[in-house]
Amino acid sequence: MHRKILIRVYTAGERQSEAFVALRKALGYTLGRVVAALPGIGFEYLRQLAALDDQDVRWIVRENLERDALRQQYPETVRHIRANLA
């Protein structure tokens, strides 16, 4: 489900609406929960998203990498992906 939603975020034209901002904030939290549950494919997906040239998608990735569950359990992986965001 997150993949489908993030494709829509990536292709969205209107990003100033209240609905888009709320969706972005929600994805800034929920994607990390999915990654924590499925770290193998989850981190690979985060790597793919981090490589996109889209400020909203990269913000979502950055926010999810700040979550304690990911930083504490997978510190090296989180550091590597964060380095690619810079």
PDB file of N, CA and C in Angstrom:
ATOM      1  N   MET A   1       0.817  -1.180   0.000  1.00  0.00           N
ATOM      2  CA  MET A   1       0.000   0.000   0.000  1.00  0.00           C
ATOM      3  C   MET A   1       0.874   1.264   0.000  1.00  0.00           C
ATOM      4  N   HIS A   2       1.951   1.240   0.786  1.00  0.00           N
ATOM      5  CA  HIS A   2       2.835   2.400   0.821  1.00  0.00           C
ATOM      6  C   HIS A   2       3.454   2.685  -0.543  1.00  0.00           C
ATOM      7  N   ARG A   3       3.797   1.643  -1.268  1.00  0.00           N
ATOM      8  CA  ARG A   3       4.382   1.854  -2.599  1.00  0.00           C
ATOM      9  C   ARG A   3       3.406   2.607  -3.497  1.00  0.00           C
ATOM     10  N   LYS A   4       2.157   2.201  -3.509  1.00  0.00           N
ATOM     11  CA  LYS A   4       1.153   2.856  -4.340  1.00  0.00           C
ATOM     12  C   LYS A   4       0.963   4.305  -3.922  1.00  0.00           C
ATOM     13  N   ILE A   5       0.921   4.544  -2.634  1.00  0.00           N
ATOM     14  CA  ILE A   5       0.731   5.906  -2.133  1.00  0.00           C
ATOM     15  C   ILE A   5       1.934   6.772  -2.485  1.00  0.00           C
ATOM     16  N   LEU A   6       3.137   6.236  -2.303  1.00  0.00           N
ATOM     17  CA  LEU A   6       4.326   7.029  -2.589  1.00  0.00           C
ATOM     18  C   LEU A   6       4.505   7.307  -4.075  1.00  0.00           C
ATOM     19  N   ILE A   7       4.013   6.454  -4.927  1.00  0.00           N
ATOM     20  CA  ILE A   7       4.010   6.757  -6.362  1.00  0.00           C
ATOM     21  C   ILE A   7       3.126   7.969  -6.614  1.00  0.00           C
ATOM     22  N   ARG A   8       1.988   8.019  -5.947  1.00  0.00           N
ATOM     23  CA  ARG A   8       1.097   9.172  -6.106  1.00  0.00           C
ATOM     24  C   ARG A   8       1.723  10.443  -5.536  1.00  0.00           C
ATOM     25  N   VAL A   9       2.438  10.312  -4.425  1.00  0.00           N
ATOM     26  CA  VAL A   9       3.135  11.471  -3.859  1.00  0.00           C
ATOM     27  C   VAL A   9       4.161  11.964  -4.865  1.00  0.00           C
ATOM     28  N   TYR A  10       4.934  11.052  -5.418  1.00  0.00           N
ATOM     29  CA  TYR A  10       6.001  11.395  -6.355  1.00  0.00           C
ATOM     30  C   TYR A  10       5.453  12.078  -7.605  1.00  0.00           C
ATOM     31  N   THR A  11       4.299  11.658  -8.057  1.00  0.00           N
ATOM     32  CA  THR A  11       3.730  12.208  -9.282  1.00  0.00           C
ATOM     33  C   THR A  11       2.735  13.338  -9.030  1.00  0.00           C
ATOM     34  N   ALA A  12       2.524  13.702  -7.782  1.00  0.00           N
ATOM     35  CA  ALA A  12       1.544  14.745  -7.442  1.00  0.00           C
ATOM     36  C   ALA A  12       1.969  16.092  -7.999  1.00  0.00           C
ATOM     37  N   GLY A  13       1.008  16.795  -8.538  1.00  0.00           N
ATOM     38  CA  GLY A  13       1.270  18.137  -9.035  1.00  0.00           C
ATOM     39  C   GLY A  13       1.009  19.176  -7.956  1.00  0.00           C
ATOM     40  N   GLU A  14      -0.109  19.072  -7.297  1.00  0.00           N
ATOM     41  CA  GLU A  14      -0.506  20.017  -6.252  1.00  0.00           C
ATOM     42  C   GLU A  14      -0.031  19.491  -4.904  1.00  0.00           C
ATOM     43  N   ARG A  15       0.935  20.183  -4.312  1.00  0.00           N
ATOM     44  CA  ARG A  15       1.514  19.719  -3.057  1.00  0.00           C
ATOM     45  C   ARG A  15       1.287  20.677  -1.899  1.00  0.00           C
ATOM     46  N   GLN A  16       0.546  21.717  -2.143  1.00  0.00           N
ATOM     47  CA  GLN A  16       0.314  22.707  -1.094  1.00  0.00           C
ATOM     48  C   GLN A  16      -0.986  22.481  -0.339  1.00  0.00           C
ATOM     49  N   SER A  17      -1.789  21.562  -0.796  1.00  0.00           N
ATOM     50  CA  SER A  17      -3.095  21.354  -0.168  1.00  0.00           C
ATOM     51  C   SER A  17      -2.944  20.781   1.238  1.00  0.00           C
ATOM     52  N   GLU A  18      -3.943  21.013   2.025  1.00  0.00           N
ATOM     53  CA  GLU A  18      -3.966  20.494   3.396  1.00  0.00           C
ATOM     54  C   GLU A  18      -3.925  18.962   3.392  1.00  0.00           C
ATOM     55  N   ALA A  19      -4.607  18.353   2.447  1.00  0.00           N
ATOM     56  CA  ALA A  19      -4.638  16.892   2.357  1.00  0.00           C
ATOM     57  C   ALA A  19      -3.254  16.325   2.037  1.00  0.00           C
ATOM     58  N   PHE A  20      -2.538  16.952   1.109  1.00  0.00           N
ATOM     59  CA  PHE A  20      -1.208  16.474   0.758  1.00  0.00           C
ATOM     60  C   PHE A  20      -0.263  16.597   1.948  1.00  0.00           C
ATOM     61  N   VAL A  21      -0.311  17.734   2.631  1.00  0.00           N
ATOM     62  CA  VAL A  21       0.564  17.955   3.788  1.00  0.00           C
ATOM     63  C   VAL A  21       0.268  16.920   4.872  1.00  0.00           C
ATOM     64  N   ALA A  22      -0.995  16.629   5.103  1.00  0.00           N
ATOM     65  CA  ALA A  22      -1.364  15.622   6.103  1.00  0.00           C
ATOM     66  C   ALA A  22      -0.870  14.236   5.696  1.00  0.00           C
ATOM     67  N   LEU A  23      -0.995  13.908   4.413  1.00  0.00           N
ATOM     68  CA  LEU A  23      -0.516  12.620   3.921  1.00  0.00           C
ATOM     69  C   LEU A  23       0.990  12.512   4.076  1.00  0.00           C
ATOM     70  N   ARG A  24       1.704  13.555   3.732  1.00  0.00           N
ATOM     71  CA  ARG A  24       3.163  13.566   3.867  1.00  0.00           C
ATOM     72  C   ARG A  24       3.571  13.337   5.318  1.00  0.00           C
ATOM     73  N   LYS A  25       2.904  14.009   6.248  1.00  0.00           N
ATOM     74  CA  LYS A  25       3.209  13.831   7.673  1.00  0.00           C
ATOM     75  C   LYS A  25       2.945  12.394   8.111  1.00  0.00           C
ATOM     76  N   ALA A  26       1.838  11.828   7.661  1.00  0.00           N
ATOM     77  CA  ALA A  26       1.507  10.443   8.025  1.00  0.00           C
ATOM     78  C   ALA A  26       2.560   9.478   7.491  1.00  0.00           C
ATOM     79  N   LEU A  27       2.984   9.681   6.259  1.00  0.00           N
ATOM     80  CA  LEU A  27       4.008   8.821   5.675  1.00  0.00           C
ATOM     81  C   LEU A  27       5.350   9.011   6.373  1.00  0.00           C
ATOM     82  N   GLY A  28       5.566  10.176   6.929  1.00  0.00           N
ATOM     83  CA  GLY A  28       6.783  10.440   7.682  1.00  0.00           C
ATOM     84  C   GLY A  28       6.878   9.618   8.949  1.00  0.00           C
ATOM     85  N   TYR A  29       5.795   8.995   9.314  1.00  0.00           N
ATOM     86  CA  TYR A  29       5.768   8.132  10.505  1.00  0.00           C
ATOM     87  C   TYR A  29       5.533   6.669  10.142  1.00  0.00           C
ATOM     88  N   THR A  30       4.568   6.415   9.287  1.00  0.00           N
ATOM     89  CA  THR A  30       4.118   5.034   9.083  1.00  0.00           C
ATOM     90  C   THR A  30       5.066   4.170   8.266  1.00  0.00           C
ATOM     91  N   LEU A  31       5.786   4.755   7.343  1.00  0.00           N
ATOM     92  CA  LEU A  31       6.679   3.951   6.511  1.00  0.00           C
ATOM     93  C   LEU A  31       7.747   3.261   7.355  1.00  0.00           C
ATOM     94  N   GLY A  32       8.230   3.938   8.380  1.00  0.00           N
ATOM     95  CA  GLY A  32       9.225   3.345   9.266  1.00  0.00           C
ATOM     96  C   GLY A  32       8.707   2.133  10.010  1.00  0.00           C
ATOM     97  N   ARG A  33       7.420   2.130  10.314  1.00  0.00           N
ATOM     98  CA  ARG A  33       6.814   0.966  10.968  1.00  0.00           C
ATOM     99  C   ARG A  33       6.831  -0.242  10.044  1.00  0.00           C
ATOM    100  N   VAL A  34       6.574  -0.012   8.785  1.00  0.00           N
ATOM    101  CA  VAL A  34       6.600  -1.097   7.802  1.00  0.00           C
ATOM    102  C   VAL A  34       8.029  -1.603   7.639  1.00  0.00           C
ATOM    103  N   VAL A  35       8.983  -0.683   7.569  1.00  0.00           N
ATOM    104  CA  VAL A  35      10.387  -1.070   7.417  1.00  0.00           C
ATOM    105  C   VAL A  35      10.846  -1.887   8.617  1.00  0.00           C
ATOM    106  N   ALA A  36      10.442  -1.493   9.815  1.00  0.00           N
ATOM    107  CA  ALA A  36      10.818  -2.240  11.017  1.00  0.00           C
ATOM    108  C   ALA A  36      10.250  -3.663  10.980  1.00  0.00           C
ATOM    109  N   ALA A  37       9.071  -3.819  10.415  1.00  0.00           N
ATOM    110  CA  ALA A  37       8.449  -5.139  10.331  1.00  0.00           C
ATOM    111  C   ALA A  37       9.058  -5.995   9.219  1.00  0.00           C
ATOM    112  N   LEU A  38       9.506  -5.352   8.150  1.00  0.00           N
ATOM    113  CA  LEU A  38      10.075  -6.052   6.989  1.00  0.00           C
ATOM    114  C   LEU A  38      11.398  -5.386   6.595  1.00  0.00           C
ATOM    115  N   PRO A  39      12.426  -5.507   7.431  1.00  0.00           N
ATOM    116  CA  PRO A  39      13.649  -4.733   7.203  1.00  0.00           C
ATOM    117  C   PRO A  39      14.375  -5.041   5.894  1.00  0.00           C
ATOM    118  N   GLY A  40      14.361  -6.245   5.445  1.00  0.00           N
ATOM    119  CA  GLY A  40      15.074  -6.587   4.208  1.00  0.00           C
ATOM    120  C   GLY A  40      14.557  -5.788   3.021  1.00  0.00           C
ATOM    121  N   ILE A  41      13.311  -5.968   2.690  1.00  0.00           N
ATOM    122  CA  ILE A  41      12.746  -5.239   1.545  1.00  0.00           C
ATOM    123  C   ILE A  41      12.451  -3.785   1.913  1.00  0.00           C
ATOM    124  N   GLY A  42      12.212  -3.531   3.184  1.00  0.00           N
ATOM    125  CA  GLY A  42      11.908  -2.174   3.622  1.00  0.00           C
ATOM    126  C   GLY A  42      13.078  -1.227   3.441  1.00  0.00           C
ATOM    127  N   PHE A  43      14.264  -1.635   3.865  1.00  0.00           N
ATOM    128  CA  PHE A  43      15.429  -0.770   3.709  1.00  0.00           C
ATOM    129  C   PHE A  43      15.824  -0.620   2.241  1.00  0.00           C
ATOM    130  N   GLU A  44      15.648  -1.657   1.470  1.00  0.00           N
ATOM    131  CA  GLU A  44      15.917  -1.536   0.038  1.00  0.00           C
ATOM    132  C   GLU A  44      14.983  -0.495  -0.581  1.00  0.00           C
ATOM    133  N   TYR A  45      13.742  -0.501  -0.168  1.00  0.00           N
ATOM    134  CA  TYR A  45      12.782   0.488  -0.668  1.00  0.00           C
ATOM    135  C   TYR A  45      13.180   1.896  -0.220  1.00  0.00           C
ATOM    136  N   LEU A  46      13.604   2.044   1.032  1.00  0.00           N
ATOM    137  CA  LEU A  46      14.059   3.356   1.500  1.00  0.00           C
ATOM    138  C   LEU A  46      15.255   3.838   0.683  1.00  0.00           C
ATOM    139  N   ARG A  47      16.166   2.939   0.340  1.00  0.00           N
ATOM    140  CA  ARG A  47      17.319   3.310  -0.499  1.00  0.00           C
ATOM    141  C   ARG A  47      16.848   3.831  -1.860  1.00  0.00           C
ATOM    142  N   GLN A  48      15.876   3.146  -2.430  1.00  0.00           N
ATOM    143  CA  GLN A  48      15.340   3.574  -3.725  1.00  0.00           C
ATOM    144  C   GLN A  48      14.687   4.953  -3.617  1.00  0.00           C
ATOM    145  N   LEU A  49      13.911   5.145  -2.565  1.00  0.00           N
ATOM    146  CA  LEU A  49      13.248   6.434  -2.370  1.00  0.00           C
ATOM    147  C   LEU A  49      14.261   7.548  -2.133  1.00  0.00           C
ATOM    148  N   ALA A  50      15.314   7.244  -1.379  1.00  0.00           N
ATOM    149  CA  ALA A  50      16.334   8.247  -1.075  1.00  0.00           C
ATOM    150  C   ALA A  50      17.061   8.705  -2.330  1.00  0.00           C
ATOM    151  N   ALA A  51      17.090   7.878  -3.347  1.00  0.00           N
ATOM    152  CA  ALA A  51      17.784   8.222  -4.592  1.00  0.00           C
ATOM    153  C   ALA A  51      16.944   9.110  -5.507  1.00  0.00           C
ATOM    154  N   LEU A  52      15.662   9.246  -5.211  1.00  0.00           N
ATOM    155  CA  LEU A  52      14.798  10.078  -6.052  1.00  0.00           C
ATOM    156  C   LEU A  52      15.091  11.557  -5.846  1.00  0.00           C
ATOM    157  N   ASP A  53      14.930  12.312  -6.888  1.00  0.00           N
ATOM    158  CA  ASP A  53      15.124  13.762  -6.813  1.00  0.00           C
ATOM    159  C   ASP A  53      13.770  14.422  -6.533  1.00  0.00           C
ATOM    160  N   ASP A  54      13.288  14.209  -5.320  1.00  0.00           N
ATOM    161  CA  ASP A  54      11.990  14.756  -4.917  1.00  0.00           C
ATOM    162  C   ASP A  54      12.077  15.147  -3.445  1.00  0.00           C
ATOM    163  N   GLN A  55      11.912  16.412  -3.152  1.00  0.00           N
ATOM    164  CA  GLN A  55      12.108  16.879  -1.786  1.00  0.00           C
ATOM    165  C   GLN A  55      11.093  16.303  -0.803  1.00  0.00           C
ATOM    166  N   ASP A  56       9.875  16.073  -1.228  1.00  0.00           N
ATOM    167  CA  ASP A  56       8.876  15.516  -0.315  1.00  0.00           C
ATOM    168  C   ASP A  56       9.155  14.052  -0.011  1.00  0.00           C
ATOM    169  N   VAL A  57       9.505  13.288  -1.019  1.00  0.00           N
ATOM    170  CA  VAL A  57       9.822  11.873  -0.809  1.00  0.00           C
ATOM    171  C   VAL A  57      11.067  11.750   0.073  1.00  0.00           C
ATOM    172  N   ARG A  58      12.058  12.562  -0.186  1.00  0.00           N
ATOM    173  CA  ARG A  58      13.281  12.515   0.625  1.00  0.00           C
ATOM    174  C   ARG A  58      13.001  12.947   2.071  1.00  0.00           C
ATOM    175  N   TRP A  59      12.092  13.893   2.260  1.00  0.00           N
ATOM    176  CA  TRP A  59      11.693  14.299   3.610  1.00  0.00           C
ATOM    177  C   TRP A  59      11.050  13.121   4.331  1.00  0.00           C
ATOM    178  N   ILE A  60      10.187  12.396   3.640  1.00  0.00           N
ATOM    179  CA  ILE A  60       9.523  11.228   4.227  1.00  0.00           C
ATOM    180  C   ILE A  60      10.567  10.193   4.652  1.00  0.00           C
ATOM    181  N   VAL A  61      11.534   9.935   3.804  1.00  0.00           N
ATOM    182  CA  VAL A  61      12.603   8.984   4.143  1.00  0.00           C
ATOM    183  C   VAL A  61      13.362   9.475   5.367  1.00  0.00           C
ATOM    184  N   ARG A  62      13.758  10.738   5.355  1.00  0.00           N
ATOM    185  CA  ARG A  62      14.534  11.314   6.462  1.00  0.00           C
ATOM    186  C   ARG A  62      13.771  11.203   7.790  1.00  0.00           C
ATOM    187  N   GLU A  63      12.500  11.530   7.761  1.00  0.00           N
ATOM    188  CA  GLU A  63      11.690  11.459   8.978  1.00  0.00           C
ATOM    189  C   GLU A  63      11.625  10.030   9.518  1.00  0.00           C
ATOM    190  N   ASN A  64      11.475   9.073   8.643  1.00  0.00           N
ATOM    191  CA  ASN A  64      11.384   7.679   9.077  1.00  0.00           C
ATOM    192  C   ASN A  64      12.707   7.163   9.617  1.00  0.00           C
ATOM    193  N   LEU A  65      13.803   7.659   9.105  1.00  0.00           N
ATOM    194  CA  LEU A  65      15.111   7.240   9.609  1.00  0.00           C
ATOM    195  C   LEU A  65      15.401   7.815  10.990  1.00  0.00           C
ATOM    196  N   GLU A  66      14.639   8.804  11.408  1.00  0.00           N
ATOM    197  CA  GLU A  66      14.791   9.379  12.745  1.00  0.00           C
ATOM    198  C   GLU A  66      14.115   8.539  13.833  1.00  0.00           C
ATOM    199  N   ARG A  67      13.293   7.634  13.451  1.00  0.00           N
ATOM    200  CA  ARG A  67      12.533   6.829  14.414  1.00  0.00           C
ATOM    201  C   ARG A  67      13.468   5.923  15.206  1.00  0.00           C
ATOM    202  N   ASP A  68      13.258   5.873  16.522  1.00  0.00           N
ATOM    203  CA  ASP A  68      14.103   5.070  17.408  1.00  0.00           C
ATOM    204  C   ASP A  68      14.153   3.605  17.010  1.00  0.00           C
ATOM    205  N   ALA A  69      13.029   3.064  16.595  1.00  0.00           N
ATOM    206  CA  ALA A  69      12.989   1.639  16.252  1.00  0.00           C
ATOM    207  C   ALA A  69      14.008   1.304  15.165  1.00  0.00           C
ATOM    208  N   LEU A  70      14.152   2.159  14.187  1.00  0.00           N
ATOM    209  CA  LEU A  70      15.104   1.894  13.109  1.00  0.00           C
ATOM    210  C   LEU A  70      16.525   2.258  13.523  1.00  0.00           C
ATOM    211  N   ARG A  71      16.705   3.406  14.143  1.00  0.00           N
ATOM    212  CA  ARG A  71      18.050   3.846  14.529  1.00  0.00           C
ATOM    213  C   ARG A  71      18.702   2.896  15.519  1.00  0.00           C
ATOM    214  N   GLN A  72      17.945   2.368  16.455  1.00  0.00           N
ATOM    215  CA  GLN A  72      18.515   1.508  17.482  1.00  0.00           C
ATOM    216  C   GLN A  72      18.771   0.091  16.973  1.00  0.00           C
ATOM    217  N   GLN A  73      17.875  -0.428  16.159  1.00  0.00           N
ATOM    218  CA  GLN A  73      18.028  -1.803  15.681  1.00  0.00           C
ATOM    219  C   GLN A  73      18.956  -1.921  14.468  1.00  0.00           C
ATOM    220  N   TYR A  74      19.020  -0.873  13.655  1.00  0.00           N
ATOM    221  CA  TYR A  74      19.789  -0.946  12.406  1.00  0.00           C
ATOM    222  C   TYR A  74      20.629   0.324  12.221  1.00  0.00           C
ATOM    223  N   PRO A  75      21.509   0.638  13.165  1.00  0.00           N
ATOM    224  CA  PRO A  75      22.229   1.921  13.102  1.00  0.00           C
ATOM    225  C   PRO A  75      23.091   2.094  11.854  1.00  0.00           C
ATOM    226  N   GLU A  76      23.777   1.056  11.416  1.00  0.00           N
ATOM    227  CA  GLU A  76      24.649   1.171  10.238  1.00  0.00           C
ATOM    228  C   GLU A  76      23.833   1.389   8.964  1.00  0.00           C
ATOM    229  N   THR A  77      22.767   0.660   8.841  1.00  0.00           N
ATOM    230  CA  THR A  77      21.916   0.797   7.654  1.00  0.00           C
ATOM    231  C   THR A  77      21.309   2.192   7.601  1.00  0.00           C
ATOM    232  N   VAL A  78      20.840   2.672   8.746  1.00  0.00           N
ATOM    233  CA  VAL A  78      20.257   4.015   8.816  1.00  0.00           C
ATOM    234  C   VAL A  78      21.309   5.061   8.455  1.00  0.00           C
ATOM    235  N   ARG A  79      22.515   4.936   8.998  1.00  0.00           N
ATOM    236  CA  ARG A  79      23.588   5.888   8.687  1.00  0.00           C
ATOM    237  C   ARG A  79      23.912   5.895   7.195  1.00  0.00           C
ATOM    238  N   HIS A  80      23.950   4.730   6.603  1.00  0.00           N
ATOM    239  CA  HIS A  80      24.272   4.626   5.178  1.00  0.00           C
ATOM    240  C   HIS A  80      23.211   5.332   4.329  1.00  0.00           C
ATOM    241  N   ILE A  81      21.962   5.087   4.607  1.00  0.00           N
ATOM    242  CA  ILE A  81      20.897   5.712   3.824  1.00  0.00           C
ATOM    243  C   ILE A  81      20.869   7.219   4.056  1.00  0.00           C
ATOM    244  N   ARG A  82      21.065   7.643   5.308  1.00  0.00           N
ATOM    245  CA  ARG A  82      21.101   9.080   5.608  1.00  0.00           C
ATOM    246  C   ARG A  82      22.241   9.767   4.869  1.00  0.00           C
ATOM    247  N   ALA A  83      23.374   9.105   4.737  1.00  0.00           N
ATOM    248  CA  ALA A  83      24.504   9.686   4.025  1.00  0.00           C
ATOM    249  C   ALA A  83      24.155   9.914   2.551  1.00  0.00           C
ATOM    250  N   ASN A  84      23.349   9.043   1.996  1.00  0.00           N
ATOM    251  CA  ASN A  84      22.935   9.196   0.600  1.00  0.00           C
ATOM    252  C   ASN A  84      21.906  10.307   0.415  1.00  0.00           C
ATOM    253  N   LEU A  85      21.261  10.698   1.490  1.00  0.00           N
ATOM    254  CA  LEU A  85      20.300  11.800   1.413  1.00  0.00           C
ATOM    255  C   LEU A  85      20.978  13.158   1.383  1.00  0.00           C
ATOM    256  N   ALA A  86      22.188  13.219   1.932  1.00  0.00           N
ATOM    257  CA  ALA A  86      22.874  14.519   2.059  1.00  0.00           C
ATOM    258  C   ALA A  86      23.371  15.055   0.752  1.00  0.00           C
TER     259      ALA A  86
END
